[in-house]
Amino acid sequence: IVEDVARPLQLRNYTESFAGCEVLLVSVRCHLEELERRERE
């Protein structure tokens, strides 16, 4: 289970490194208000 804050080109780096693997790419979303609440806590 890989976890990263991956920008577009870093994602491309991952696709190249994992060329021999099957990878399920999951976008983890959350609205800003909740993100900021978690930061404070």
Full PDB file with SEQRES, HELIX, SHEET, SSBOND, CRYST1, ORIGX, SCALE, CONECT and MASTER records, all heavy atoms in Angstrom:
SEQRES   1 A   41  ILE VAL GLU ASP VAL ALA ARG PRO LEU GLN LEU ARG ASN          
SEQRES   2 A   41  TYR THR GLU SER PHE ALA GLY CYS GLU VAL LEU LEU VAL          
SEQRES   3 A   41  SER VAL ARG CYS HIS LEU GLU GLU LEU GLU ARG ARG GLU          
SEQRES   4 A   41  ARG GLU                                                      
HELIX    1 AA1 PRO A    8  SER A   17  1                                  10    
HELIX    2 AA2 LEU A   32  ARG A   40  1                                   9    
CRYST1    1.000    1.000    1.000  90.00  90.00  90.00 P 1           1          
ORIGX1      1.000000  0.000000  0.000000        0.00000                         
ORIGX2      0.000000  1.000000  0.000000        0.00000                         
ORIGX3      0.000000  0.000000  1.000000        0.00000                         
SCALE1      1.000000  0.000000  0.000000        0.00000                         
SCALE2      0.000000  1.000000  0.000000        0.00000                         
SCALE3      0.000000  0.000000  1.000000        0.00000                         
ATOM      1  N   ILE A   1       0.888  -1.157   0.000  1.00  0.00           N  
ATOM      2  CA  ILE A   1       0.000   0.000   0.000  1.00  0.00           C  
ATOM      3  C   ILE A   1       0.927   1.207   0.000  1.00  0.00           C  
ATOM      4  O   ILE A   1       1.556   1.528   1.010  1.00  0.00           O  
ATOM      5  CB  ILE A   1      -0.919   0.034   1.225  1.00  0.00           C  
ATOM      6  CG1 ILE A   1      -1.781  -1.221   1.293  1.00  0.00           C  
ATOM      7  CG2 ILE A   1      -1.809   1.291   1.193  1.00  0.00           C  
ATOM      8  CD1 ILE A   1      -2.451  -1.425   2.639  1.00  0.00           C  
ATOM      9  N   VAL A   2       1.061   1.843  -1.159  1.00  0.00           N  
ATOM     10  CA  VAL A   2       1.942   3.005  -1.296  1.00  0.00           C  
ATOM     11  C   VAL A   2       1.151   4.265  -0.969  1.00  0.00           C  
ATOM     12  O   VAL A   2       0.006   4.423  -1.406  1.00  0.00           O  
ATOM     13  CB  VAL A   2       2.507   3.098  -2.729  1.00  0.00           C  
ATOM     14  CG1 VAL A   2       3.363   4.352  -2.887  1.00  0.00           C  
ATOM     15  CG2 VAL A   2       3.321   1.852  -3.068  1.00  0.00           C  
ATOM     16  N   GLU A   3       1.775   5.151  -0.227  1.00  0.00           N  
ATOM     17  CA  GLU A   3       1.137   6.419   0.156  1.00  0.00           C  
ATOM     18  C   GLU A   3       2.057   7.573  -0.193  1.00  0.00           C  
ATOM     19  O   GLU A   3       3.218   7.585   0.208  1.00  0.00           O  
ATOM     20  CB  GLU A   3       0.851   6.411   1.662  1.00  0.00           C  
ATOM     21  CG  GLU A   3       0.406   7.743   2.216  1.00  0.00           C  
ATOM     22  CD  GLU A   3       0.387   7.761   3.733  1.00  0.00           C  
ATOM     23  OE1 GLU A   3       0.376   6.675   4.365  1.00  0.00           O  
ATOM     24  OE2 GLU A   3       0.394   8.878   4.287  1.00  0.00           O  
ATOM     25  N   ASP A   4       1.526   8.556  -0.948  1.00  0.00           N  
ATOM     26  CA  ASP A   4       2.362   9.703  -1.293  1.00  0.00           C  
ATOM     27  C   ASP A   4       1.482  10.891  -1.655  1.00  0.00           C  
ATOM     28  O   ASP A   4       0.292  10.738  -1.973  1.00  0.00           O  
ATOM     29  CB  ASP A   4       3.276   9.361  -2.478  1.00  0.00           C  
ATOM     30  CG  ASP A   4       4.513  10.263  -2.549  1.00  0.00           C  
ATOM     31  OD1 ASP A   4       4.585  11.252  -1.803  1.00  0.00           O  
ATOM     32  OD2 ASP A   4       5.406   9.956  -3.364  1.00  0.00           O  
ATOM     33  N   VAL A   5       2.072  12.077  -1.562  1.00  0.00           N  
ATOM     34  CA  VAL A   5       1.485  13.302  -2.120  1.00  0.00           C  
ATOM     35  C   VAL A   5       2.193  13.484  -3.454  1.00  0.00           C  
ATOM     36  O   VAL A   5       3.199  14.190  -3.552  1.00  0.00           O  
ATOM     37  CB  VAL A   5       1.713  14.507  -1.186  1.00  0.00           C  
ATOM     38  CG1 VAL A   5       1.047  15.758  -1.764  1.00  0.00           C  
ATOM     39  CG2 VAL A   5       1.181  14.215   0.212  1.00  0.00           C  
ATOM     40  N   ALA A   6       1.693  12.819  -4.477  1.00  0.00           N  
ATOM     41  CA  ALA A   6       2.421  12.721  -5.746  1.00  0.00           C  
ATOM     42  C   ALA A   6       1.880  13.702  -6.768  1.00  0.00           C  
ATOM     43  O   ALA A   6       0.733  13.615  -7.193  1.00  0.00           O  
ATOM     44  CB  ALA A   6       2.346  11.293  -6.286  1.00  0.00           C  
ATOM     45  N   ARG A   7       2.753  14.627  -7.169  1.00  0.00           N  
ATOM     46  CA  ARG A   7       2.422  15.543  -8.249  1.00  0.00           C  
ATOM     47  C   ARG A   7       2.531  14.801  -9.594  1.00  0.00           C  
ATOM     48  O   ARG A   7       2.996  13.666  -9.641  1.00  0.00           O  
ATOM     49  CB  ARG A   7       3.377  16.738  -8.209  1.00  0.00           C  
ATOM     50  CG  ARG A   7       3.183  17.643  -6.991  1.00  0.00           C  
ATOM     51  CD  ARG A   7       4.361  18.593  -6.852  1.00  0.00           C  
ATOM     52  NE  ARG A   7       4.109  19.668  -5.921  1.00  0.00           N  
ATOM     53  CZ  ARG A   7       4.214  19.556  -4.599  1.00  0.00           C  
ATOM     54  NH1 ARG A   7       4.565  18.404  -4.055  1.00  0.00           N  
ATOM     55  NH2 ARG A   7       3.969  20.593  -3.814  1.00  0.00           N  
ATOM     56  N   PRO A   8       2.099  15.439 -10.692  1.00  0.00           N  
ATOM     57  CA  PRO A   8       2.008  14.726 -11.975  1.00  0.00           C  
ATOM     58  C   PRO A   8       3.276  14.021 -12.436  1.00  0.00           C  
ATOM     59  O   PRO A   8       3.229  12.851 -12.838  1.00  0.00           O  
ATOM     60  CB  PRO A   8       1.589  15.828 -12.949  1.00  0.00           C  
ATOM     61  CG  PRO A   8       0.760  16.755 -12.121  1.00  0.00           C  
ATOM     62  CD  PRO A   8       1.475  16.789 -10.794  1.00  0.00           C  
ATOM     63  N   LEU A   9       4.422  14.702 -12.406  1.00  0.00           N  
ATOM     64  CA  LEU A   9       5.635  14.055 -12.896  1.00  0.00           C  
ATOM     65  C   LEU A   9       6.137  12.971 -11.942  1.00  0.00           C  
ATOM     66  O   LEU A   9       6.705  11.964 -12.380  1.00  0.00           O  
ATOM     67  CB  LEU A   9       6.735  15.088 -13.129  1.00  0.00           C  
ATOM     68  CG  LEU A   9       6.560  15.939 -14.392  1.00  0.00           C  
ATOM     69  CD1 LEU A   9       7.526  17.118 -14.380  1.00  0.00           C  
ATOM     70  CD2 LEU A   9       6.763  15.104 -15.650  1.00  0.00           C  
ATOM     71  N   GLN A  10       5.914  13.144 -10.637  1.00  0.00           N  
ATOM     72  CA  GLN A  10       6.294  12.082  -9.714  1.00  0.00           C  
ATOM     73  C   GLN A  10       5.406  10.854  -9.929  1.00  0.00           C  
ATOM     74  O   GLN A  10       5.882   9.717  -9.843  1.00  0.00           O  
ATOM     75  CB  GLN A  10       6.226  12.571  -8.266  1.00  0.00           C  
ATOM     76  CG  GLN A  10       6.655  11.542  -7.223  1.00  0.00           C  
ATOM     77  CD  GLN A  10       8.141  11.219  -7.250  1.00  0.00           C  
ATOM     78  OE1 GLN A  10       8.816  11.363  -8.254  1.00  0.00           O  
ATOM     79  NE2 GLN A  10       8.666  10.750  -6.119  1.00  0.00           N  
ATOM     80  N   LEU A  11       4.136  11.074 -10.247  1.00  0.00           N  
ATOM     81  CA  LEU A  11       3.284   9.943 -10.612  1.00  0.00           C  
ATOM     82  C   LEU A  11       3.843   9.234 -11.837  1.00  0.00           C  
ATOM     83  O   LEU A  11       3.830   8.003 -11.919  1.00  0.00           O  
ATOM     84  CB  LEU A  11       1.852  10.416 -10.890  1.00  0.00           C  
ATOM     85  CG  LEU A  11       0.863  10.391  -9.732  1.00  0.00           C  
ATOM     86  CD1 LEU A  11      -0.492  10.909 -10.188  1.00  0.00           C  
ATOM     87  CD2 LEU A  11       0.721   9.003  -9.126  1.00  0.00           C  
ATOM     88  N   ARG A  12       4.328  10.013 -12.789  1.00  0.00           N  
ATOM     89  CA  ARG A  12       4.928   9.405 -13.979  1.00  0.00           C  
ATOM     90  C   ARG A  12       6.171   8.592 -13.589  1.00  0.00           C  
ATOM     91  O   ARG A  12       6.397   7.497 -14.116  1.00  0.00           O  
ATOM     92  CB  ARG A  12       5.280  10.493 -14.985  1.00  0.00           C  
ATOM     93  CG  ARG A  12       5.925   9.982 -16.273  1.00  0.00           C  
ATOM     94  CD  ARG A  12       5.044   8.972 -17.026  1.00  0.00           C  
ATOM     95  NE  ARG A  12       5.667   8.617 -18.276  1.00  0.00           N  
ATOM     96  CZ  ARG A  12       5.296   9.111 -19.461  1.00  0.00           C  
ATOM     97  NH1 ARG A  12       4.274   9.970 -19.530  1.00  0.00           N  
ATOM     98  NH2 ARG A  12       5.905   8.744 -20.558  1.00  0.00           N  
ATOM     99  N   ASN A  13       6.962   9.101 -12.645  1.00  0.00           N  
ATOM    100  CA  ASN A  13       8.093   8.329 -12.142  1.00  0.00           C  
ATOM    101  C   ASN A  13       7.629   6.986 -11.576  1.00  0.00           C  
ATOM    102  O   ASN A  13       8.260   5.945 -11.788  1.00  0.00           O  
ATOM    103  CB  ASN A  13       8.833   9.104 -11.046  1.00  0.00           C  
ATOM    104  CG  ASN A  13       9.909  10.028 -11.590  1.00  0.00           C  
ATOM    105  OD1 ASN A  13      10.442   9.808 -12.669  1.00  0.00           O  
ATOM    106  ND2 ASN A  13      10.223  11.069 -10.833  1.00  0.00           N  
ATOM    107  N   TYR A  14       6.529   7.010 -10.843  1.00  0.00           N  
ATOM    108  CA  TYR A  14       5.992   5.767 -10.280  1.00  0.00           C  
ATOM    109  C   TYR A  14       5.567   4.803 -11.387  1.00  0.00           C  
ATOM    110  O   TYR A  14       5.810   3.596 -11.288  1.00  0.00           O  
ATOM    111  CB  TYR A  14       4.807   6.067  -9.366  1.00  0.00           C  
ATOM    112  CG  TYR A  14       5.172   6.394  -7.942  1.00  0.00           C  
ATOM    113  CD1 TYR A  14       5.064   7.690  -7.453  1.00  0.00           C  
ATOM    114  CD2 TYR A  14       5.606   5.398  -7.064  1.00  0.00           C  
ATOM    115  CE1 TYR A  14       5.375   7.989  -6.129  1.00  0.00           C  
ATOM    116  CE2 TYR A  14       5.925   5.696  -5.745  1.00  0.00           C  
ATOM    117  CZ  TYR A  14       5.804   6.991  -5.282  1.00  0.00           C  
ATOM    118  OH  TYR A  14       6.116   7.291  -3.974  1.00  0.00           O  
ATOM    119  N   THR A  15       4.928   5.308 -12.434  1.00  0.00           N  
ATOM    120  CA  THR A  15       4.483   4.395 -13.503  1.00  0.00           C  
ATOM    121  C   THR A  15       5.686   3.718 -14.161  1.00  0.00           C  
ATOM    122  O   THR A  15       5.614   2.537 -14.518  1.00  0.00           O  
ATOM    123  CB  THR A  15       3.665   5.124 -14.581  1.00  0.00           C  
ATOM    124  OG1 THR A  15       4.503   6.023 -15.327  1.00  0.00           O  
ATOM    125  CG2 THR A  15       2.500   5.885 -13.985  1.00  0.00           C  
ATOM    126  N   GLU A  16       6.774   4.438 -14.300  1.00  0.00           N  
ATOM    127  CA  GLU A  16       7.970   3.860 -14.922  1.00  0.00           C  
ATOM    128  C   GLU A  16       8.605   2.812 -14.015  1.00  0.00           C  
ATOM    129  O   GLU A  16       8.992   1.729 -14.467  1.00  0.00           O  
ATOM    130  CB  GLU A  16       8.961   4.974 -15.254  1.00  0.00           C  
ATOM    131  CG  GLU A  16       8.439   5.932 -16.320  1.00  0.00           C  
ATOM    132  CD  GLU A  16       9.257   7.205 -16.436  1.00  0.00           C  
ATOM    133  OE1 GLU A  16      10.298   7.300 -15.748  1.00  0.00           O  
ATOM    134  OE2 GLU A  16       8.867   8.101 -17.204  1.00  0.00           O  
ATOM    135  N   SER A  17       8.694   3.096 -12.725  1.00  0.00           N  
ATOM    136  CA  SER A  17       9.302   2.154 -11.794  1.00  0.00           C  
ATOM    137  C   SER A  17       8.445   0.902 -11.610  1.00  0.00           C  
ATOM    138  O   SER A  17       8.969  -0.204 -11.453  1.00  0.00           O  
ATOM    139  CB  SER A  17       9.530   2.825 -10.437  1.00  0.00           C  
ATOM    140  OG  SER A  17      10.500   3.840 -10.531  1.00  0.00           O  
ATOM    141  N   PHE A  18       7.129   1.073 -11.653  1.00  0.00           N  
ATOM    142  CA  PHE A  18       6.211  -0.044 -11.431  1.00  0.00           C  
ATOM    143  C   PHE A  18       5.717  -0.653 -12.749  1.00  0.00           C  
ATOM    144  O   PHE A  18       4.650  -1.257 -12.790  1.00  0.00           O  
ATOM    145  CB  PHE A  18       5.014   0.419 -10.602  1.00  0.00           C  
ATOM    146  CG  PHE A  18       5.290   0.508  -9.127  1.00  0.00           C  
ATOM    147  CD1 PHE A  18       5.718   1.697  -8.567  1.00  0.00           C  
ATOM    148  CD2 PHE A  18       5.125  -0.589  -8.302  1.00  0.00           C  
ATOM    149  CE1 PHE A  18       5.976   1.792  -7.210  1.00  0.00           C  
ATOM    150  CE2 PHE A  18       5.375  -0.509  -6.940  1.00  0.00           C  
ATOM    151  CZ  PHE A  18       5.813   0.685  -6.387  1.00  0.00           C  
ATOM    152  N   ALA A  19       6.509  -0.523 -13.797  1.00  0.00           N  
ATOM    153  CA  ALA A  19       6.074  -1.004 -15.114  1.00  0.00           C  
ATOM    154  C   ALA A  19       5.757  -2.497 -15.125  1.00  0.00           C  
ATOM    155  O   ALA A  19       4.921  -2.948 -15.898  1.00  0.00           O  
ATOM    156  CB  ALA A  19       7.149  -0.691 -16.155  1.00  0.00           C  
ATOM    157  N   GLY A  20       6.392  -3.267 -14.246  1.00  0.00           N  
ATOM    158  CA  GLY A  20       6.138  -4.706 -14.221  1.00  0.00           C  
ATOM    159  C   GLY A  20       5.075  -5.130 -13.236  1.00  0.00           C  
ATOM    160  O   GLY A  20       4.888  -6.333 -12.997  1.00  0.00           O  
ATOM    161  N   CYS A  21       4.357  -4.158 -12.661  1.00  0.00           N  
ATOM    162  CA  CYS A  21       3.377  -4.455 -11.605  1.00  0.00           C  
ATOM    163  C   CYS A  21       1.985  -3.984 -12.006  1.00  0.00           C  
ATOM    164  O   CYS A  21       1.824  -3.105 -12.845  1.00  0.00           O  
ATOM    165  CB  CYS A  21       3.772  -3.758 -10.306  1.00  0.00           C  
ATOM    166  SG  CYS A  21       5.454  -4.083  -9.749  1.00  0.00           S  
ATOM    167  N   GLU A  22       0.982  -4.589 -11.360  1.00  0.00           N  
ATOM    168  CA  GLU A  22      -0.386  -4.118 -11.491  1.00  0.00           C  
ATOM    169  C   GLU A  22      -0.659  -3.183 -10.319  1.00  0.00           C  
ATOM    170  O   GLU A  22      -0.572  -3.600  -9.164  1.00  0.00           O  
ATOM    171  CB  GLU A  22      -1.362  -5.290 -11.481  1.00  0.00           C  
ATOM    172  CG  GLU A  22      -2.418  -5.164 -12.558  1.00  0.00           C  
ATOM    173  CD  GLU A  22      -3.287  -6.403 -12.680  1.00  0.00           C  
ATOM    174  OE1 GLU A  22      -4.048  -6.691 -11.738  1.00  0.00           O  
ATOM    175  OE2 GLU A  22      -3.201  -7.051 -13.723  1.00  0.00           O  
ATOM    176  N   VAL A  23      -0.995  -1.938 -10.602  1.00  0.00           N  
ATOM    177  CA  VAL A  23      -1.155  -0.933  -9.561  1.00  0.00           C  
ATOM    178  C   VAL A  23      -2.559  -0.353  -9.626  1.00  0.00           C  
ATOM    179  O   VAL A  23      -2.996   0.127 -10.680  1.00  0.00           O  
ATOM    180  CB  VAL A  23      -0.124   0.213  -9.721  1.00  0.00           C  
ATOM    181  CG1 VAL A  23      -0.298   1.251  -8.617  1.00  0.00           C  
ATOM    182  CG2 VAL A  23       1.299  -0.343  -9.724  1.00  0.00           C  
ATOM    183  N   LEU A  24      -3.270  -0.401  -8.506  1.00  0.00           N  
ATOM    184  CA  LEU A  24      -4.578   0.240  -8.400  1.00  0.00           C  
ATOM    185  C   LEU A  24      -4.365   1.643  -7.851  1.00  0.00           C  
ATOM    186  O   LEU A  24      -3.975   1.811  -6.696  1.00  0.00           O  
ATOM    187  CB  LEU A  24      -5.494  -0.558  -7.469  1.00  0.00           C  
ATOM    188  CG  LEU A  24      -6.923  -0.017  -7.327  1.00  0.00           C  
ATOM    189  CD1 LEU A  24      -7.740  -0.349  -8.581  1.00  0.00           C  
ATOM    190  CD2 LEU A  24      -7.616  -0.579  -6.086  1.00  0.00           C  
ATOM    191  N   LEU A  25      -4.589   2.650  -8.677  1.00  0.00           N  
ATOM    192  CA  LEU A  25      -4.377   4.043  -8.269  1.00  0.00           C  
ATOM    193  C   LEU A  25      -5.667   4.598  -7.670  1.00  0.00           C  
ATOM    194  O   LEU A  25      -6.692   4.689  -8.346  1.00  0.00           O  
ATOM    195  CB  LEU A  25      -3.949   4.887  -9.470  1.00  0.00           C  
ATOM    196  CG  LEU A  25      -3.745   6.377  -9.212  1.00  0.00           C  
ATOM    197  CD1 LEU A  25      -2.721   6.631  -8.113  1.00  0.00           C  
ATOM    198  CD2 LEU A  25      -3.326   7.086 -10.496  1.00  0.00           C  
ATOM    199  N   VAL A  26      -5.585   4.978  -6.395  1.00  0.00           N  
ATOM    200  CA  VAL A  26      -6.745   5.488  -5.664  1.00  0.00           C  
ATOM    201  C   VAL A  26      -6.502   6.955  -5.318  1.00  0.00           C  
ATOM    202  O   VAL A  26      -5.528   7.281  -4.628  1.00  0.00           O  
ATOM    203  CB  VAL A  26      -6.990   4.685  -4.371  1.00  0.00           C  
ATOM    204  CG1 VAL A  26      -8.216   5.230  -3.629  1.00  0.00           C  
ATOM    205  CG2 VAL A  26      -7.161   3.197  -4.677  1.00  0.00           C  
ATOM    206  N   SER A  27      -7.374   7.834  -5.776  1.00  0.00           N  
ATOM    207  CA  SER A  27      -7.319   9.239  -5.383  1.00  0.00           C  
ATOM    208  C   SER A  27      -8.049   9.396  -4.052  1.00  0.00           C  
ATOM    209  O   SER A  27      -9.226   9.047  -3.943  1.00  0.00           O  
ATOM    210  CB  SER A  27      -7.972  10.123  -6.452  1.00  0.00           C  
ATOM    211  OG  SER A  27      -7.165  10.209  -7.601  1.00  0.00           O  
ATOM    212  N   VAL A  28      -7.348   9.906  -3.059  1.00  0.00           N  
ATOM    213  CA  VAL A  28      -7.932  10.105  -1.733  1.00  0.00           C  
ATOM    214  C   VAL A  28      -8.306  11.575  -1.612  1.00  0.00           C  
ATOM    215  O   VAL A  28      -7.439  12.451  -1.617  1.00  0.00           O  
ATOM    216  CB  VAL A  28      -6.942   9.696  -0.625  1.00  0.00           C  
ATOM    217  CG1 VAL A  28      -7.590   9.852   0.748  1.00  0.00           C  
ATOM    218  CG2 VAL A  28      -6.477   8.254  -0.837  1.00  0.00           C  
ATOM    219  N   ARG A  29      -9.598  11.831  -1.519  1.00  0.00           N  
ATOM    220  CA  ARG A  29     -10.108  13.206  -1.515  1.00  0.00           C  
ATOM    221  C   ARG A  29     -10.639  13.577  -0.132  1.00  0.00           C  
ATOM    222  O   ARG A  29     -11.049  12.732   0.657  1.00  0.00           O  
ATOM    223  CB  ARG A  29     -11.239  13.353  -2.540  1.00  0.00           C  
ATOM    224  CG  ARG A  29     -10.917  12.833  -3.932  1.00  0.00           C  
ATOM    225  CD  ARG A  29     -10.114  13.809  -4.730  1.00  0.00           C  
ATOM    226  NE  ARG A  29      -9.902  13.340  -6.098  1.00  0.00           N  
ATOM    227  CZ  ARG A  29      -9.722  14.120  -7.150  1.00  0.00           C  
ATOM    228  NH1 ARG A  29      -9.733  15.437  -6.996  1.00  0.00           N  
ATOM    229  NH2 ARG A  29      -9.508  13.603  -8.347  1.00  0.00           N  
ATOM    230  N   CYS A  30     -10.686  14.886   0.120  1.00  0.00           N  
ATOM    231  CA  CYS A  30     -11.235  15.414   1.369  1.00  0.00           C  
ATOM    232  C   CYS A  30     -11.393  16.912   1.197  1.00  0.00           C  
ATOM    233  O   CYS A  30     -10.498  17.569   0.656  1.00  0.00           O  
ATOM    234  CB  CYS A  30     -10.284  15.098   2.532  1.00  0.00           C  
ATOM    235  SG  CYS A  30     -10.882  15.651   4.146  1.00  0.00           S  
ATOM    236  N   HIS A  31     -12.531  17.470   1.649  1.00  0.00           N  
ATOM    237  CA  HIS A  31     -12.743  18.907   1.440  1.00  0.00           C  
ATOM    238  C   HIS A  31     -11.866  19.721   2.393  1.00  0.00           C  
ATOM    239  O   HIS A  31     -11.415  19.244   3.441  1.00  0.00           O  
ATOM    240  CB  HIS A  31     -14.217  19.285   1.571  1.00  0.00           C  
ATOM    241  CG  HIS A  31     -14.821  19.023   2.926  1.00  0.00           C  
ATOM    242  ND1 HIS A  31     -14.533  19.783   4.040  1.00  0.00           N  
ATOM    243  CD2 HIS A  31     -15.704  18.071   3.341  1.00  0.00           C  
ATOM    244  CE1 HIS A  31     -15.220  19.344   5.079  1.00  0.00           C  
ATOM    245  NE2 HIS A  31     -15.930  18.284   4.683  1.00  0.00           N  
ATOM    246  N   LEU A  32     -11.621  20.976   1.999  1.00  0.00           N  
ATOM    247  CA  LEU A  32     -10.635  21.809   2.673  1.00  0.00           C  
ATOM    248  C   LEU A  32     -10.953  22.016   4.147  1.00  0.00           C  
ATOM    249  O   LEU A  32     -10.039  21.992   4.989  1.00  0.00           O  
ATOM    250  CB  LEU A  32     -10.527  23.163   1.956  1.00  0.00           C  
ATOM    251  CG  LEU A  32      -9.531  24.168   2.554  1.00  0.00           C  
ATOM    252  CD1 LEU A  32      -8.124  23.582   2.600  1.00  0.00           C  
ATOM    253  CD2 LEU A  32      -9.536  25.457   1.756  1.00  0.00           C  
ATOM    254  N   GLU A  33     -12.199  22.243   4.494  1.00  0.00           N  
ATOM    255  CA  GLU A  33     -12.544  22.502   5.890  1.00  0.00           C  
ATOM    256  C   GLU A  33     -12.124  21.349   6.795  1.00  0.00           C  
ATOM    257  O   GLU A  33     -11.589  21.556   7.891  1.00  0.00           O  
ATOM    258  CB  GLU A  33     -14.050  22.765   6.030  1.00  0.00           C  
ATOM    259  CG  GLU A  33     -14.522  24.064   5.409  1.00  0.00           C  
ATOM    260  CD  GLU A  33     -14.664  23.987   3.886  1.00  0.00           C  
ATOM    261  OE1 GLU A  33     -14.515  22.864   3.325  1.00  0.00           O  
ATOM    262  OE2 GLU A  33     -14.923  25.032   3.268  1.00  0.00           O  
ATOM    263  N   GLU A  34     -12.344  20.127   6.327  1.00  0.00           N  
ATOM    264  CA  GLU A  34     -11.956  18.961   7.120  1.00  0.00           C  
ATOM    265  C   GLU A  34     -10.437  18.804   7.160  1.00  0.00           C  
ATOM    266  O   GLU A  34      -9.863  18.445   8.197  1.00  0.00           O  
ATOM    267  CB  GLU A  34     -12.607  17.701   6.544  1.00  0.00           C  
ATOM    268  CG  GLU A  34     -12.206  16.399   7.223  1.00  0.00           C  
ATOM    269  CD  GLU A  34     -12.594  16.313   8.685  1.00  0.00           C  
ATOM    270  OE1 GLU A  34     -13.402  17.144   9.162  1.00  0.00           O  
ATOM    271  OE2 GLU A  34     -12.090  15.403   9.376  1.00  0.00           O  
ATOM    272  N   LEU A  35      -9.783  19.087   6.048  1.00  0.00           N  
ATOM    273  CA  LEU A  35      -8.321  19.039   6.035  1.00  0.00           C  
ATOM    274  C   LEU A  35      -7.747  19.990   7.085  1.00  0.00           C  
ATOM    275  O   LEU A  35      -6.825  19.623   7.831  1.00  0.00           O  
ATOM    276  CB  LEU A  35      -7.792  19.427   4.652  1.00  0.00           C  
ATOM    277  CG  LEU A  35      -8.061  18.465   3.495  1.00  0.00           C  
ATOM    278  CD1 LEU A  35      -7.637  19.117   2.182  1.00  0.00           C  
ATOM    279  CD2 LEU A  35      -7.313  17.154   3.690  1.00  0.00           C  
ATOM    280  N   GLU A  36      -8.276  21.187   7.136  1.00  0.00           N  
ATOM    281  CA  GLU A  36      -7.761  22.181   8.082  1.00  0.00           C  
ATOM    282  C   GLU A  36      -8.093  21.796   9.525  1.00  0.00           C  
ATOM    283  O   GLU A  36      -7.299  22.053  10.437  1.00  0.00           O  
ATOM    284  CB  GLU A  36      -8.303  23.553   7.736  1.00  0.00           C  
ATOM    285  CG  GLU A  36      -7.756  24.085   6.410  1.00  0.00           C  
ATOM    286  CD  GLU A  36      -8.226  25.477   6.075  1.00  0.00           C  
ATOM    287  OE1 GLU A  36      -9.416  25.794   6.334  1.00  0.00           O  
ATOM    288  OE2 GLU A  36      -7.419  26.257   5.549  1.00  0.00           O  
ATOM    289  N   ARG A  37      -9.241  21.176   9.745  1.00  0.00           N  
ATOM    290  CA  ARG A  37      -9.581  20.704  11.091  1.00  0.00           C  
ATOM    291  C   ARG A  37      -8.570  19.648  11.542  1.00  0.00           C  
ATOM    292  O   ARG A  37      -8.085  19.681  12.683  1.00  0.00           O  
ATOM    293  CB  ARG A  37     -10.990  20.127  11.116  1.00  0.00           C  
ATOM    294  CG  ARG A  37     -11.459  19.707  12.513  1.00  0.00           C  
ATOM    295  CD  ARG A  37     -12.721  18.877  12.464  1.00  0.00           C  
ATOM    296  NE  ARG A  37     -12.488  17.563  11.878  1.00  0.00           N  
ATOM    297  CZ  ARG A  37     -11.913  16.541  12.519  1.00  0.00           C  
ATOM    298  NH1 ARG A  37     -11.503  16.685  13.777  1.00  0.00           N  
ATOM    299  NH2 ARG A  37     -11.738  15.393  11.913  1.00  0.00           N  
ATOM    300  N   ARG A  38      -8.245  18.734  10.655  1.00  0.00           N  
ATOM    301  CA  ARG A  38      -7.273  17.688  10.994  1.00  0.00           C  
ATOM    302  C   ARG A  38      -5.900  18.283  11.274  1.00  0.00           C  
ATOM    303  O   ARG A  38      -5.193  17.839  12.188  1.00  0.00           O  
ATOM    304  CB  ARG A  38      -7.194  16.664   9.863  1.00  0.00           C  
ATOM    305  CG  ARG A  38      -8.473  15.861   9.678  1.00  0.00           C  
ATOM    306  CD  ARG A  38      -8.395  14.966   8.443  1.00  0.00           C  
ATOM    307  NE  ARG A  38      -9.649  14.273   8.196  1.00  0.00           N  
ATOM    308  CZ  ARG A  38      -9.880  13.489   7.151  1.00  0.00           C  
ATOM    309  NH1 ARG A  38      -8.917  13.295   6.244  1.00  0.00           N  
ATOM    310  NH2 ARG A  38     -11.050  12.897   7.001  1.00  0.00           N  
ATOM    311  N   GLU A  39      -5.506  19.274  10.486  1.00  0.00           N  
ATOM    312  CA  GLU A  39      -4.212  19.934  10.728  1.00  0.00           C  
ATOM    313  C   GLU A  39      -4.148  20.513  12.135  1.00  0.00           C  
ATOM    314  O   GLU A  39      -3.140  20.386  12.830  1.00  0.00           O  
ATOM    315  CB  GLU A  39      -3.992  21.056   9.719  1.00  0.00           C  
ATOM    316  CG  GLU A  39      -3.424  20.627   8.401  1.00  0.00           C  
ATOM    317  CD  GLU A  39      -3.068  21.809   7.515  1.00  0.00           C  
ATOM    318  OE1 GLU A  39      -3.655  22.896   7.695  1.00  0.00           O  
ATOM    319  OE2 GLU A  39      -2.209  21.648   6.640  1.00  0.00           O  
ATOM    320  N   ARG A  40      -5.248  21.170  12.542  1.00  0.00           N  
ATOM    321  CA  ARG A  40      -5.258  21.809  13.866  1.00  0.00           C  
ATOM    322  C   ARG A  40      -5.182  20.779  14.984  1.00  0.00           C  
ATOM    323  O   ARG A  40      -4.586  21.029  16.043  1.00  0.00           O  
ATOM    324  CB  ARG A  40      -6.511  22.672  14.024  1.00  0.00           C  
ATOM    325  CG  ARG A  40      -6.533  23.917  13.151  1.00  0.00           C  
ATOM    326  CD  ARG A  40      -7.656  24.851  13.566  1.00  0.00           C  
ATOM    327  NE  ARG A  40      -8.980  24.249  13.410  1.00  0.00           N  
ATOM    328  CZ  ARG A  40      -9.711  24.312  12.293  1.00  0.00           C  
ATOM    329  NH1 ARG A  40      -9.239  24.953  11.226  1.00  0.00           N  
ATOM    330  NH2 ARG A  40     -10.907  23.765  12.234  1.00  0.00           N  
ATOM    331  N   GLU A  41      -5.788  19.616  14.777  1.00  0.00           N  
ATOM    332  CA  GLU A  41      -5.864  18.605  15.832  1.00  0.00           C  
ATOM    333  C   GLU A  41      -4.603  17.756  15.932  1.00  0.00           C  
ATOM    334  O   GLU A  41      -4.382  17.095  16.949  1.00  0.00           O  
ATOM    335  CB  GLU A  41      -7.075  17.703  15.602  1.00  0.00           C  
ATOM    336  CG  GLU A  41      -8.402  18.406  15.846  1.00  0.00           C  
ATOM    337  CD  GLU A  41      -9.580  17.447  15.818  1.00  0.00           C  
ATOM    338  OE1 GLU A  41      -9.368  16.251  15.493  1.00  0.00           O  
ATOM    339  OE2 GLU A  41     -10.698  17.892  16.134  1.00  0.00           O  
TER     340      GLU A  41                                                      
MASTER        0    0    0    2    0    0    0    6  339    1    0    4          
END                                                                             
